[in-house]
Structure formats: C-alpha cells, structure tokens
C-alpha cells in the first residue's frame, strides 16, 4: 500500500485494530473447523510471504513527505509488514512488535528502530538520533523473512508538526505542558512557564562552575529568539543582550516574553511560499522554515537543561506537572 492510497489519519497508538487480513481470516476458519479455536498457536498462524516495502514508502509520519532527519518519526508502507496489528504500550518503545523489527543500516553500522505501531500495510517507527551520513538503508524483518532494503535521504534537520488534518497542514496539535490539554484559541499557549515557576533564589544556581546559571540560560534563549527570527523577517537583529544584562526573575520574565513576542511575528507571518525561500544563516544556505525549526530545537534543547536544573533543586518542571 503506497502513501497516496493509505488513509492519512495517523496516530502512533491507534485506538482500534485494523480488520483481520483475508489470509488470516481463512486460517482462522480452518482452525475453527478443526476444533482448535483455543489452540490457534498450533495452527501455524503467521505470515506466509516476506515483507515488502513499497517504492517511496518510507515517509515523514507528520506530513507524508520525504523530508527525514535524525530522530524523525517515520511511516513505512508496504505489504506483509506484520502478521497482526499491534501498538507499543509503554516507554521506552520496543524494537520488536509481533515479531516485527525495522533495521537501519549505514555502512557497517546497524540498529533496530523503536516501534510505535505495526500492521500488514504500515509501520510507524523512529529513526536513530545517531545518524551521521546523508542516507540510510531501511529494511523490515519478520518471521517470514527479510525485506529488500530501501534507501532514504537524510538531512540534518526536517522539523514537522502533526496537525489536526493529519497531513502536516493547518492547525498544529499542541499540548499545554502543565496539564496536557490541547492548545486552542480559548486556552492559548503562554511563554515563560518555567521562568515563572522557579523561585528567585534559584536563578543564580548552576550545577557546575563551567555552565550557565538558570538566569543566564533564560537570557541566552531570549537573545536567540531575536537572532533566529530577525534573519527570517529580514530585519537587523535587535541586540538586547539579555543574558549579560539581566539576572533577576523580575527582569528576565518580561524580557523572555518580549523575545517570544518578537519571534511570533516570524512564525505567524510565514506563508508556504516564504517557507521555502532561502537565506544565508551560519554561513549556510537555509530555507526560512529550516531556520525557524532550528530555533524551536535550540529552545527545546535549553529547556532540557532547565529541567535538569529544576530537578536538582527538587522542583517538578511544568512539562511533568499534572493538574
């Protein structure tokens, strides 16, 4: 089954299984007639043909495009990919579901991909973060055999958002970090949750002398918003120097909100045509959408640092807090 004919409604953890594949329905009827309903395992239940990955059948799970990068969630389409439909039920994700594994090969490097979901026609998995080259060989292994490898192109970054239309277009599916409720017009996202939660005396904290303090980390993120988004807007980057000039909670929270508000102009004003326009950034030609994706990854990277700081101080970060 190719991506063009597959229903694009995607969830890494489907709520309902797909109908039983015809060849398994025949096997079930045979077992029933023999009176072995309670002993189906003894009836050689399983695939009779090896898996086949469709040409062009490895795509980004968010928008079904060929844009793939290290760590991306991918959908693999084909035939005989799994004997049954199954979803991962726990984290960390398994590398085998229903006897199915997906293997990534790059030179002499080999790894099995974490799996979200498997079925006869589709597998959802995650690419390794450790990919170093510009291409990767993907193959599917089942009890019935090993598929032929399909090569995919790898780019350094390929940010994509899952959307409510499940095709990478339109309104993104976003959750509030504090309570995991959907972000909507009535419940919009607000910046600075971590900055507001931490007490003033933690702002000077740093785990070791070589790294930034909590306050410096917030200032660095604020400064970065201007650098990334001014480039996309085609403006001279404001240089407020937040990291070096502000150190208190009272100073940093409004500075951080102002920085995010400046960057909002770049995100909100982006059209499809502008997204693919290129500009010189870090001595490289990058699409504007790539620069904004770079900014998002950079922000989340440092949010990860802040989570560590908060945990060391016994503070539950907003992303782990439930209401």
C-alpha atoms as a PDB file:
ATOM      1  CA  UNK A   1       0.000   0.000   0.000  1.00  0.00           C
ATOM      2  CA  UNK A   2       1.530   3.328  -1.010  1.00  0.00           C
ATOM      3  CA  UNK A   3       1.343   6.579   0.987  1.00  0.00           C
ATOM      4  CA  UNK A   4      -1.038   8.002  -1.638  1.00  0.00           C
ATOM      5  CA  UNK A   5      -3.620   5.285  -1.064  1.00  0.00           C
ATOM      6  CA  UNK A   6      -3.170   4.952   2.683  1.00  0.00           C
ATOM      7  CA  UNK A   7      -5.663   6.760   4.877  1.00  0.00           C
ATOM      8  CA  UNK A   8      -3.580   9.664   6.274  1.00  0.00           C
ATOM      9  CA  UNK A   9      -5.343   9.598   9.640  1.00  0.00           C
ATOM     10  CA  UNK A  10      -2.397   8.745  11.813  1.00  0.00           C
ATOM     11  CA  UNK A  11      -1.876   8.003  15.471  1.00  0.00           C
ATOM     12  CA  UNK A  12       1.222   6.347  16.881  1.00  0.00           C
ATOM     13  CA  UNK A  13      -1.067   4.453  19.257  1.00  0.00           C
ATOM     14  CA  UNK A  14      -4.237   3.514  17.287  1.00  0.00           C
ATOM     15  CA  UNK A  15      -7.339   3.006  19.377  1.00  0.00           C
ATOM     16  CA  UNK A  16      -8.881   0.295  17.211  1.00  0.00           C
ATOM     17  CA  UNK A  17      -7.191  -2.526  15.334  1.00  0.00           C
ATOM     18  CA  UNK A  18      -7.478  -2.956  11.586  1.00  0.00           C
ATOM     19  CA  UNK A  19      -9.779  -5.699  10.213  1.00  0.00           C
ATOM     20  CA  UNK A  20      -8.277  -9.140  10.053  1.00  0.00           C
ATOM     21  CA  UNK A  21      -6.270  -9.653   6.872  1.00  0.00           C
ATOM     22  CA  UNK A  22      -8.050 -12.090   4.470  1.00  0.00           C
ATOM     23  CA  UNK A  23      -5.295 -14.731   4.624  1.00  0.00           C
ATOM     24  CA  UNK A  24      -5.534 -14.807   8.421  1.00  0.00           C
ATOM     25  CA  UNK A  25      -9.344 -14.984   8.255  1.00  0.00           C
ATOM     26  CA  UNK A  26      -9.037 -18.124   6.110  1.00  0.00           C
ATOM     27  CA  UNK A  27      -6.586 -19.569   8.626  1.00  0.00           C
ATOM     28  CA  UNK A  28      -8.973 -18.737  11.479  1.00  0.00           C
ATOM     29  CA  UNK A  29     -11.830 -20.537   9.709  1.00  0.00           C
ATOM     30  CA  UNK A  30      -9.624 -23.574   9.121  1.00  0.00           C
ATOM     31  CA  UNK A  31      -8.652 -23.686  12.779  1.00  0.00           C
ATOM     32  CA  UNK A  32     -12.284 -23.309  13.833  1.00  0.00           C
ATOM     33  CA  UNK A  33     -13.446 -26.173  11.628  1.00  0.00           C
ATOM     34  CA  UNK A  34     -10.745 -28.362  13.123  1.00  0.00           C
ATOM     35  CA  UNK A  35     -11.982 -27.537  16.603  1.00  0.00           C
ATOM     36  CA  UNK A  36      -8.751 -25.874  17.672  1.00  0.00           C
ATOM     37  CA  UNK A  37     -10.077 -22.400  18.462  1.00  0.00           C
ATOM     38  CA  UNK A  38      -8.370 -22.488  21.849  1.00  0.00           C
ATOM     39  CA  UNK A  39      -5.101 -23.666  20.339  1.00  0.00           C
ATOM     40  CA  UNK A  40      -4.612 -21.213  17.496  1.00  0.00           C
ATOM     41  CA  UNK A  41      -0.898 -21.069  18.111  1.00  0.00           C
ATOM     42  CA  UNK A  42      -0.611 -24.668  16.980  1.00  0.00           C
ATOM     43  CA  UNK A  43      -2.238 -23.871  13.631  1.00  0.00           C
ATOM     44  CA  UNK A  44       0.866 -22.189  12.164  1.00  0.00           C
ATOM     45  CA  UNK A  45      -0.697 -18.744  12.467  1.00  0.00           C
ATOM     46  CA  UNK A  46       1.514 -16.177  10.751  1.00  0.00           C
ATOM     47  CA  UNK A  47       2.776 -14.736   7.536  1.00  0.00           C
ATOM     48  CA  UNK A  48       3.474 -16.883   4.512  1.00  0.00           C
ATOM     49  CA  UNK A  49       5.268 -14.199   2.486  1.00  0.00           C
ATOM     50  CA  UNK A  50       8.211 -11.971   3.402  1.00  0.00           C
ATOM     51  CA  UNK A  51       7.654  -8.247   3.925  1.00  0.00           C
ATOM     52  CA  UNK A  52       7.896  -5.782   1.028  1.00  0.00           C
ATOM     53  CA  UNK A  53       8.498  -2.036   1.451  1.00  0.00           C
ATOM     54  CA  UNK A  54       6.767  -0.015  -1.257  1.00  0.00           C
ATOM     55  CA  UNK A  55       8.841   2.199  -3.544  1.00  0.00           C
ATOM     56  CA  UNK A  56       8.850   5.631  -1.939  1.00  0.00           C
ATOM     57  CA  UNK A  57       7.098   4.048   1.020  1.00  0.00           C
ATOM     58  CA  UNK A  58       9.261   5.487   3.815  1.00  0.00           C
ATOM     59  CA  UNK A  59       7.996   8.975   4.678  1.00  0.00           C
ATOM     60  CA  UNK A  60       7.804  11.523   7.451  1.00  0.00           C
ATOM     61  CA  UNK A  61       4.879  10.466   9.650  1.00  0.00           C
ATOM     62  CA  UNK A  62       3.687  14.034  10.203  1.00  0.00           C
ATOM     63  CA  UNK A  63       3.104  15.086   6.591  1.00  0.00           C
ATOM     64  CA  UNK A  64       3.966  12.017   4.469  1.00  0.00           C
ATOM     65  CA  UNK A  65       6.803  13.894   2.771  1.00  0.00           C
ATOM     66  CA  UNK A  66      10.287  12.563   2.045  1.00  0.00           C
ATOM     67  CA  UNK A  67      11.842  15.081   4.479  1.00  0.00           C
ATOM     68  CA  UNK A  68      13.655  12.918   7.047  1.00  0.00           C
ATOM     69  CA  UNK A  69      16.243  13.746   9.695  1.00  0.00           C
ATOM     70  CA  UNK A  70      17.840  12.003  12.689  1.00  0.00           C
ATOM     71  CA  UNK A  71      15.202  11.225  15.324  1.00  0.00           C
ATOM     72  CA  UNK A  72      12.254  11.700  12.963  1.00  0.00           C
ATOM     73  CA  UNK A  73       9.082   9.640  13.275  1.00  0.00           C
ATOM     74  CA  UNK A  74       8.576   7.723  10.044  1.00  0.00           C
ATOM     75  CA  UNK A  75       5.773   5.756   8.443  1.00  0.00           C
ATOM     76  CA  UNK A  76       6.740   2.724   6.384  1.00  0.00           C
ATOM     77  CA  UNK A  77       4.209   1.465   3.828  1.00  0.00           C
ATOM     78  CA  UNK A  78       4.192  -1.866   2.042  1.00  0.00           C
ATOM     79  CA  UNK A  79       2.760  -5.380   2.144  1.00  0.00           C
ATOM     80  CA  UNK A  80       3.198  -8.275   4.588  1.00  0.00           C
ATOM     81  CA  UNK A  81       4.886  -5.923   7.024  1.00  0.00           C
ATOM     82  CA  UNK A  82       3.403  -7.637  10.102  1.00  0.00           C
ATOM     83  CA  UNK A  83       1.277 -10.694  10.902  1.00  0.00           C
ATOM     84  CA  UNK A  84      -1.088  -8.665  13.095  1.00  0.00           C
ATOM     85  CA  UNK A  85      -1.840  -5.090  14.119  1.00  0.00           C
ATOM     86  CA  UNK A  86      -0.178  -4.000  17.359  1.00  0.00           C
ATOM     87  CA  UNK A  87       0.806  -0.795  19.155  1.00  0.00           C
ATOM     88  CA  UNK A  88       3.510  -0.028  21.673  1.00  0.00           C
ATOM     89  CA  UNK A  89       2.067   0.197  25.160  1.00  0.00           C
ATOM     90  CA  UNK A  90       4.975   1.556  27.172  1.00  0.00           C
ATOM     91  CA  UNK A  91       8.015   3.787  27.109  1.00  0.00           C
ATOM     92  CA  UNK A  92      10.806   3.146  26.202  1.00  0.00           C
ATOM     93  CA  UNK A  93       9.440   1.974  22.871  1.00  0.00           C
ATOM     94  CA  UNK A  94      10.120  -1.656  21.949  1.00  0.00           C
ATOM     95  CA  UNK A  95      12.296  -2.585  18.981  1.00  0.00           C
ATOM     96  CA  UNK A  96      10.147  -5.652  18.289  1.00  0.00           C
ATOM     97  CA  UNK A  97       6.338  -5.875  17.998  1.00  0.00           C
ATOM     98  CA  UNK A  98       4.556  -9.093  16.980  1.00  0.00           C
ATOM     99  CA  UNK A  99       7.895 -10.483  15.830  1.00  0.00           C
ATOM    100  CA  UNK A 100       8.481  -7.464  13.577  1.00  0.00           C
ATOM    101  CA  UNK A 101      11.615  -5.324  13.658  1.00  0.00           C
ATOM    102  CA  UNK A 102      12.824  -2.480  11.453  1.00  0.00           C
ATOM    103  CA  UNK A 103      16.548  -2.358  10.799  1.00  0.00           C
ATOM    104  CA  UNK A 104      18.617   0.693   9.838  1.00  0.00           C
ATOM    105  CA  UNK A 105      21.922   0.079   8.104  1.00  0.00           C
ATOM    106  CA  UNK A 106      24.566   2.716   7.396  1.00  0.00           C
ATOM    107  CA  UNK A 107      27.910   1.333   6.255  1.00  0.00           C
ATOM    108  CA  UNK A 108      28.958  -1.117   8.947  1.00  0.00           C
ATOM    109  CA  UNK A 109      26.558   0.409  11.498  1.00  0.00           C
ATOM    110  CA  UNK A 110      23.356  -1.475  12.290  1.00  0.00           C
ATOM    111  CA  UNK A 111      20.474  -0.680  14.653  1.00  0.00           C
ATOM    112  CA  UNK A 112      16.838  -1.588  15.278  1.00  0.00           C
ATOM    113  CA  UNK A 113      14.314   1.249  15.278  1.00  0.00           C
ATOM    114  CA  UNK A 114      11.931   1.900  18.193  1.00  0.00           C
ATOM    115  CA  UNK A 115       8.409   0.960  17.081  1.00  0.00           C
ATOM    116  CA  UNK A 116       5.122   2.758  17.732  1.00  0.00           C
ATOM    117  CA  UNK A 117       2.807   0.652  15.608  1.00  0.00           C
ATOM    118  CA  UNK A 118       2.863  -2.297  13.185  1.00  0.00           C
ATOM    119  CA  UNK A 119       0.287  -3.686  10.758  1.00  0.00           C
ATOM    120  CA  UNK A 120       0.261  -5.548   7.468  1.00  0.00           C
ATOM    121  CA  UNK A 121       0.388  -2.332   5.451  1.00  0.00           C
ATOM    122  CA  UNK A 122       2.018   0.257   7.706  1.00  0.00           C
ATOM    123  CA  UNK A 123       4.692   0.566  10.398  1.00  0.00           C
ATOM    124  CA  UNK A 124       5.351   3.693  12.472  1.00  0.00           C
ATOM    125  CA  UNK A 125       8.867   3.927  13.892  1.00  0.00           C
ATOM    126  CA  UNK A 126      11.536   6.411  14.953  1.00  0.00           C
ATOM    127  CA  UNK A 127      14.839   6.964  13.176  1.00  0.00           C
ATOM    128  CA  UNK A 128      18.037   6.917  15.273  1.00  0.00           C
ATOM    129  CA  UNK A 129      19.393  10.227  16.529  1.00  0.00           C
ATOM    130  CA  UNK A 130      22.907   8.946  15.852  1.00  0.00           C
ATOM    131  CA  UNK A 131      22.698   9.048  12.035  1.00  0.00           C
ATOM    132  CA  UNK A 132      25.881  10.607  10.693  1.00  0.00           C
ATOM    133  CA  UNK A 133      25.592  10.255   6.908  1.00  0.00           C
ATOM    134  CA  UNK A 134      23.273  11.632   4.245  1.00  0.00           C
ATOM    135  CA  UNK A 135      21.486   8.360   3.528  1.00  0.00           C
ATOM    136  CA  UNK A 136      20.269   5.268   5.332  1.00  0.00           C
ATOM    137  CA  UNK A 137      19.140   1.780   4.328  1.00  0.00           C
ATOM    138  CA  UNK A 138      15.875   0.588   5.916  1.00  0.00           C
ATOM    139  CA  UNK A 139      14.569  -2.985   5.910  1.00  0.00           C
ATOM    140  CA  UNK A 140      11.821  -4.906   7.719  1.00  0.00           C
ATOM    141  CA  UNK A 141      12.344  -8.299   9.326  1.00  0.00           C
ATOM    142  CA  UNK A 142       9.536 -10.714  10.264  1.00  0.00           C
ATOM    143  CA  UNK A 143       9.262 -14.441  10.942  1.00  0.00           C
ATOM    144  CA  UNK A 144       8.543 -14.869   7.209  1.00  0.00           C
ATOM    145  CA  UNK A 145      11.769 -13.257   6.089  1.00  0.00           C
ATOM    146  CA  UNK A 146      13.650 -10.035   5.438  1.00  0.00           C
ATOM    147  CA  UNK A 147      12.529  -7.326   3.038  1.00  0.00           C
ATOM    148  CA  UNK A 148      14.757  -5.749   0.428  1.00  0.00           C
ATOM    149  CA  UNK A 149      16.373  -2.552   1.689  1.00  0.00           C
ATOM    150  CA  UNK A 150      15.043   0.856   0.706  1.00  0.00           C
ATOM    151  CA  UNK A 151      17.388   3.838   0.788  1.00  0.00           C
ATOM    152  CA  UNK A 152      16.220   7.135   2.252  1.00  0.00           C
ATOM    153  CA  UNK A 153      17.885  10.543   2.127  1.00  0.00           C
ATOM    154  CA  UNK A 154      18.765  12.156   5.463  1.00  0.00           C
ATOM    155  CA  UNK A 155      19.011  15.906   6.078  1.00  0.00           C
ATOM    156  CA  UNK A 156      20.427  17.494   9.258  1.00  0.00           C
ATOM    157  CA  UNK A 157      17.015  18.867  10.258  1.00  0.00           C
ATOM    158  CA  UNK A 158      13.488  18.356   8.993  1.00  0.00           C
ATOM    159  CA  UNK A 159      11.072  19.863  11.538  1.00  0.00           C
ATOM    160  CA  UNK A 160       7.450  18.874  11.038  1.00  0.00           C
ATOM    161  CA  UNK A 161       4.316  19.264  13.173  1.00  0.00           C
ATOM    162  CA  UNK A 162       1.412  16.860  13.433  1.00  0.00           C
ATOM    163  CA  UNK A 163      -1.742  18.755  12.527  1.00  0.00           C
ATOM    164  CA  UNK A 164      -5.431  18.286  13.161  1.00  0.00           C
ATOM    165  CA  UNK A 165      -5.943  17.410   9.498  1.00  0.00           C
ATOM    166  CA  UNK A 166      -3.213  14.745   9.813  1.00  0.00           C
ATOM    167  CA  UNK A 167      -1.423  15.913   6.675  1.00  0.00           C
ATOM    168  CA  UNK A 168       1.071  18.417   8.069  1.00  0.00           C
ATOM    169  CA  UNK A 169      -1.085  21.380   7.032  1.00  0.00           C
ATOM    170  CA  UNK A 170      -3.287  23.690   9.021  1.00  0.00           C
ATOM    171  CA  UNK A 171      -3.556  23.917  12.794  1.00  0.00           C
ATOM    172  CA  UNK A 172      -0.870  22.069  14.737  1.00  0.00           C
ATOM    173  CA  UNK A 173      -1.640  19.602  17.524  1.00  0.00           C
ATOM    174  CA  UNK A 174      -0.046  21.188  20.605  1.00  0.00           C
ATOM    175  CA  UNK A 175      -0.456  20.382  24.303  1.00  0.00           C
ATOM    176  CA  UNK A 176      -0.048  22.547  27.363  1.00  0.00           C
ATOM    177  CA  UNK A 177       2.974  21.316  29.320  1.00  0.00           C
ATOM    178  CA  UNK A 178       1.264  21.703  32.681  1.00  0.00           C
ATOM    179  CA  UNK A 179      -1.884  19.648  32.112  1.00  0.00           C
ATOM    180  CA  UNK A 180      -1.595  18.073  28.620  1.00  0.00           C
ATOM    181  CA  UNK A 181      -4.761  19.827  27.427  1.00  0.00           C
ATOM    182  CA  UNK A 182      -4.931  20.889  23.782  1.00  0.00           C
ATOM    183  CA  UNK A 183      -3.738  24.393  22.947  1.00  0.00           C
ATOM    184  CA  UNK A 184      -6.708  26.282  21.488  1.00  0.00           C
ATOM    185  CA  UNK A 185      -7.839  29.858  20.954  1.00  0.00           C
ATOM    186  CA  UNK A 186      -9.651  29.638  24.282  1.00  0.00           C
ATOM    187  CA  UNK A 187      -6.627  28.092  26.010  1.00  0.00           C
ATOM    188  CA  UNK A 188      -3.617  29.600  24.201  1.00  0.00           C
ATOM    189  CA  UNK A 189      -0.016  28.682  24.960  1.00  0.00           C
ATOM    190  CA  UNK A 190       1.890  31.126  27.172  1.00  0.00           C
ATOM    191  CA  UNK A 191       5.689  31.543  27.226  1.00  0.00           C
ATOM    192  CA  UNK A 192       7.830  31.584  30.323  1.00  0.00           C
ATOM    193  CA  UNK A 193       6.167  28.843  32.381  1.00  0.00           C
ATOM    194  CA  UNK A 194       9.478  27.562  33.755  1.00  0.00           C
ATOM    195  CA  UNK A 195      10.787  31.066  34.439  1.00  0.00           C
ATOM    196  CA  UNK A 196       7.674  31.930  36.427  1.00  0.00           C
ATOM    197  CA  UNK A 197       7.637  28.722  38.446  1.00  0.00           C
ATOM    198  CA  UNK A 198      11.206  28.898  39.781  1.00  0.00           C
ATOM    199  CA  UNK A 199      11.895  30.993  42.882  1.00  0.00           C
ATOM    200  CA  UNK A 200      14.252  33.977  42.747  1.00  0.00           C
ATOM    201  CA  UNK A 201      16.983  32.225  44.745  1.00  0.00           C
ATOM    202  CA  UNK A 202      17.290  29.504  42.079  1.00  0.00           C
ATOM    203  CA  UNK A 203      18.088  31.980  39.296  1.00  0.00           C
ATOM    204  CA  UNK A 204      21.768  32.101  40.300  1.00  0.00           C
ATOM    205  CA  UNK A 205      22.037  28.298  40.512  1.00  0.00           C
ATOM    206  CA  UNK A 206      24.363  26.402  38.200  1.00  0.00           C
ATOM    207  CA  UNK A 207      25.171  22.667  38.587  1.00  0.00           C
ATOM    208  CA  UNK A 208      28.891  23.253  37.940  1.00  0.00           C
ATOM    209  CA  UNK A 209      31.016  26.351  37.592  1.00  0.00           C
ATOM    210  CA  UNK A 210      31.590  25.766  33.860  1.00  0.00           C
ATOM    211  CA  UNK A 211      27.948  26.066  32.755  1.00  0.00           C
ATOM    212  CA  UNK A 212      25.371  28.837  32.586  1.00  0.00           C
ATOM    213  CA  UNK A 213      23.236  29.672  35.573  1.00  0.00           C
ATOM    214  CA  UNK A 214      19.456  29.286  35.402  1.00  0.00           C
ATOM    215  CA  UNK A 215      19.171  33.038  34.770  1.00  0.00           C
ATOM    216  CA  UNK A 216      21.861  33.021  32.080  1.00  0.00           C
ATOM    217  CA  UNK A 217      20.115  30.124  30.334  1.00  0.00           C
ATOM    218  CA  UNK A 218      16.873  32.116  30.148  1.00  0.00           C
ATOM    219  CA  UNK A 219      18.762  35.161  28.884  1.00  0.00           C
ATOM    220  CA  UNK A 220      20.506  33.071  26.237  1.00  0.00           C
ATOM    221  CA  UNK A 221      17.178  31.698  24.986  1.00  0.00           C
ATOM    222  CA  UNK A 222      15.731  35.235  24.851  1.00  0.00           C
ATOM    223  CA  UNK A 223      18.704  36.544  22.850  1.00  0.00           C
ATOM    224  CA  UNK A 224      18.466  33.616  20.452  1.00  0.00           C
ATOM    225  CA  UNK A 225      14.857  34.463  19.569  1.00  0.00           C
ATOM    226  CA  UNK A 226      15.997  37.770  18.113  1.00  0.00           C
ATOM    227  CA  UNK A 227      18.903  36.213  16.228  1.00  0.00           C
ATOM    228  CA  UNK A 228      16.862  33.476  14.529  1.00  0.00           C
ATOM    229  CA  UNK A 229      13.668  35.393  13.861  1.00  0.00           C
ATOM    230  CA  UNK A 230      15.283  38.643  12.701  1.00  0.00           C
ATOM    231  CA  UNK A 231      17.021  36.627   9.976  1.00  0.00           C
ATOM    232  CA  UNK A 232      13.687  35.189   8.826  1.00  0.00           C
ATOM    233  CA  UNK A 233      11.989  38.605   8.975  1.00  0.00           C
ATOM    234  CA  UNK A 234      14.840  40.197   7.019  1.00  0.00           C
ATOM    235  CA  UNK A 235      15.475  42.714   9.790  1.00  0.00           C
ATOM    236  CA  UNK A 236      18.557  43.913  11.590  1.00  0.00           C
ATOM    237  CA  UNK A 237      18.659  41.740  14.681  1.00  0.00           C
ATOM    238  CA  UNK A 238      17.923  43.631  17.903  1.00  0.00           C
ATOM    239  CA  UNK A 239      20.724  43.009  20.378  1.00  0.00           C
ATOM    240  CA  UNK A 240      19.229  43.453  23.822  1.00  0.00           C
ATOM    241  CA  UNK A 241      21.999  41.407  25.447  1.00  0.00           C
ATOM    242  CA  UNK A 242      19.563  39.824  27.898  1.00  0.00           C
ATOM    243  CA  UNK A 243      21.976  37.142  29.056  1.00  0.00           C
ATOM    244  CA  UNK A 244      24.637  39.672  30.077  1.00  0.00           C
ATOM    245  CA  UNK A 245      22.425  42.475  31.339  1.00  0.00           C
ATOM    246  CA  UNK A 246      19.616  40.808  33.274  1.00  0.00           C
ATOM    247  CA  UNK A 247      19.884  38.347  36.143  1.00  0.00           C
ATOM    248  CA  UNK A 248      16.787  38.600  38.344  1.00  0.00           C
ATOM    249  CA  UNK A 249      13.392  36.964  37.958  1.00  0.00           C
ATOM    250  CA  UNK A 250      11.727  40.371  37.811  1.00  0.00           C
ATOM    251  CA  UNK A 251      13.929  41.371  34.863  1.00  0.00           C
ATOM    252  CA  UNK A 252      14.021  38.107  32.953  1.00  0.00           C
ATOM    253  CA  UNK A 253      10.347  37.130  32.771  1.00  0.00           C
ATOM    254  CA  UNK A 254       9.247  40.243  30.810  1.00  0.00           C
ATOM    255  CA  UNK A 255      12.421  40.089  28.693  1.00  0.00           C
ATOM    256  CA  UNK A 256      11.697  36.472  27.788  1.00  0.00           C
ATOM    257  CA  UNK A 257       8.073  37.259  26.902  1.00  0.00           C
ATOM    258  CA  UNK A 258       9.134  40.195  24.745  1.00  0.00           C
ATOM    259  CA  UNK A 259      11.599  37.955  22.891  1.00  0.00           C
ATOM    260  CA  UNK A 260       8.953  35.323  22.190  1.00  0.00           C
ATOM    261  CA  UNK A 261       6.504  38.016  21.077  1.00  0.00           C
ATOM    262  CA  UNK A 262       9.095  39.312  18.591  1.00  0.00           C
ATOM    263  CA  UNK A 263       9.581  35.799  17.222  1.00  0.00           C
ATOM    264  CA  UNK A 264       5.835  35.238  16.950  1.00  0.00           C
ATOM    265  CA  UNK A 265       5.826  37.702  14.048  1.00  0.00           C
ATOM    266  CA  UNK A 266       8.072  35.397  12.050  1.00  0.00           C
ATOM    267  CA  UNK A 267       6.017  32.293  12.734  1.00  0.00           C
ATOM    268  CA  UNK A 268       2.604  33.894  12.281  1.00  0.00           C
ATOM    269  CA  UNK A 269       3.518  35.698   9.064  1.00  0.00           C
ATOM    270  CA  UNK A 270       5.101  32.685   7.351  1.00  0.00           C
ATOM    271  CA  UNK A 271       3.418  31.546   4.133  1.00  0.00           C
ATOM    272  CA  UNK A 272       4.087  28.348   2.193  1.00  0.00           C
ATOM    273  CA  UNK A 273       5.921  30.359  -0.471  1.00  0.00           C
ATOM    274  CA  UNK A 274       8.104  32.157   2.083  1.00  0.00           C
ATOM    275  CA  UNK A 275       8.867  28.958   3.968  1.00  0.00           C
ATOM    276  CA  UNK A 276      10.955  27.590   1.099  1.00  0.00           C
ATOM    277  CA  UNK A 277      12.813  30.841   0.416  1.00  0.00           C
ATOM    278  CA  UNK A 278      16.479  30.542   1.353  1.00  0.00           C
ATOM    279  CA  UNK A 279      18.766  32.862   3.250  1.00  0.00           C
ATOM    280  CA  UNK A 280      22.360  32.864   4.479  1.00  0.00           C
ATOM    281  CA  UNK A 281      22.469  31.712   8.078  1.00  0.00           C
ATOM    282  CA  UNK A 282      25.518  30.421   9.962  1.00  0.00           C
ATOM    283  CA  UNK A 283      27.413  30.579   6.657  1.00  0.00           C
ATOM    284  CA  UNK A 284      24.965  28.166   5.026  1.00  0.00           C
ATOM    285  CA  UNK A 285      22.012  28.487   2.693  1.00  0.00           C
ATOM    286  CA  UNK A 286      18.896  27.525   4.658  1.00  0.00           C
ATOM    287  CA  UNK A 287      15.173  27.678   3.966  1.00  0.00           C
ATOM    288  CA  UNK A 288      13.322  30.073   6.244  1.00  0.00           C
ATOM    289  CA  UNK A 289      11.277  27.179   7.622  1.00  0.00           C
ATOM    290  CA  UNK A 290      14.531  25.396   8.488  1.00  0.00           C
ATOM    291  CA  UNK A 291      15.778  28.429  10.427  1.00  0.00           C
ATOM    292  CA  UNK A 292      12.554  28.570  12.428  1.00  0.00           C
ATOM    293  CA  UNK A 293      12.794  24.832  13.058  1.00  0.00           C
ATOM    294  CA  UNK A 294      16.394  25.332  14.190  1.00  0.00           C
ATOM    295  CA  UNK A 295      15.139  27.951  16.651  1.00  0.00           C
ATOM    296  CA  UNK A 296      12.497  25.575  18.023  1.00  0.00           C
ATOM    297  CA  UNK A 297      15.053  22.789  18.503  1.00  0.00           C
ATOM    298  CA  UNK A 298      17.506  25.210  20.137  1.00  0.00           C
ATOM    299  CA  UNK A 299      14.827  26.404  22.563  1.00  0.00           C
ATOM    300  CA  UNK A 300      13.833  22.869  23.500  1.00  0.00           C
ATOM    301  CA  UNK A 301      17.474  21.865  23.917  1.00  0.00           C
ATOM    302  CA  UNK A 302      17.897  24.511  26.593  1.00  0.00           C
ATOM    303  CA  UNK A 303      14.536  23.720  28.128  1.00  0.00           C
ATOM    304  CA  UNK A 304      16.040  20.267  28.687  1.00  0.00           C
ATOM    305  CA  UNK A 305      18.907  21.954  30.534  1.00  0.00           C
ATOM    306  CA  UNK A 306      16.427  23.890  32.674  1.00  0.00           C
ATOM    307  CA  UNK A 307      14.557  20.679  33.503  1.00  0.00           C
ATOM    308  CA  UNK A 308      17.797  19.242  34.887  1.00  0.00           C
ATOM    309  CA  UNK A 309      18.397  22.375  36.956  1.00  0.00           C
ATOM    310  CA  UNK A 310      14.875  22.225  38.384  1.00  0.00           C
ATOM    311  CA  UNK A 311      15.133  18.527  39.191  1.00  0.00           C
ATOM    312  CA  UNK A 312      18.415  19.116  41.022  1.00  0.00           C
ATOM    313  CA  UNK A 313      16.567  21.666  43.138  1.00  0.00           C
ATOM    314  CA  UNK A 314      13.636  19.325  43.800  1.00  0.00           C
ATOM    315  CA  UNK A 315      11.285  21.251  41.505  1.00  0.00           C
ATOM    316  CA  UNK A 316       8.850  19.437  39.225  1.00  0.00           C
ATOM    317  CA  UNK A 317       9.184  21.083  35.772  1.00  0.00           C
ATOM    318  CA  UNK A 318       5.999  22.305  34.040  1.00  0.00           C
ATOM    319  CA  UNK A 319       6.241  19.573  31.398  1.00  0.00           C
ATOM    320  CA  UNK A 320       5.987  16.880  34.093  1.00  0.00           C
ATOM    321  CA  UNK A 321       3.388  18.605  36.254  1.00  0.00           C
ATOM    322  CA  UNK A 322      -0.169  17.283  36.158  1.00  0.00           C
ATOM    323  CA  UNK A 323      -3.296  19.083  37.347  1.00  0.00           C
END
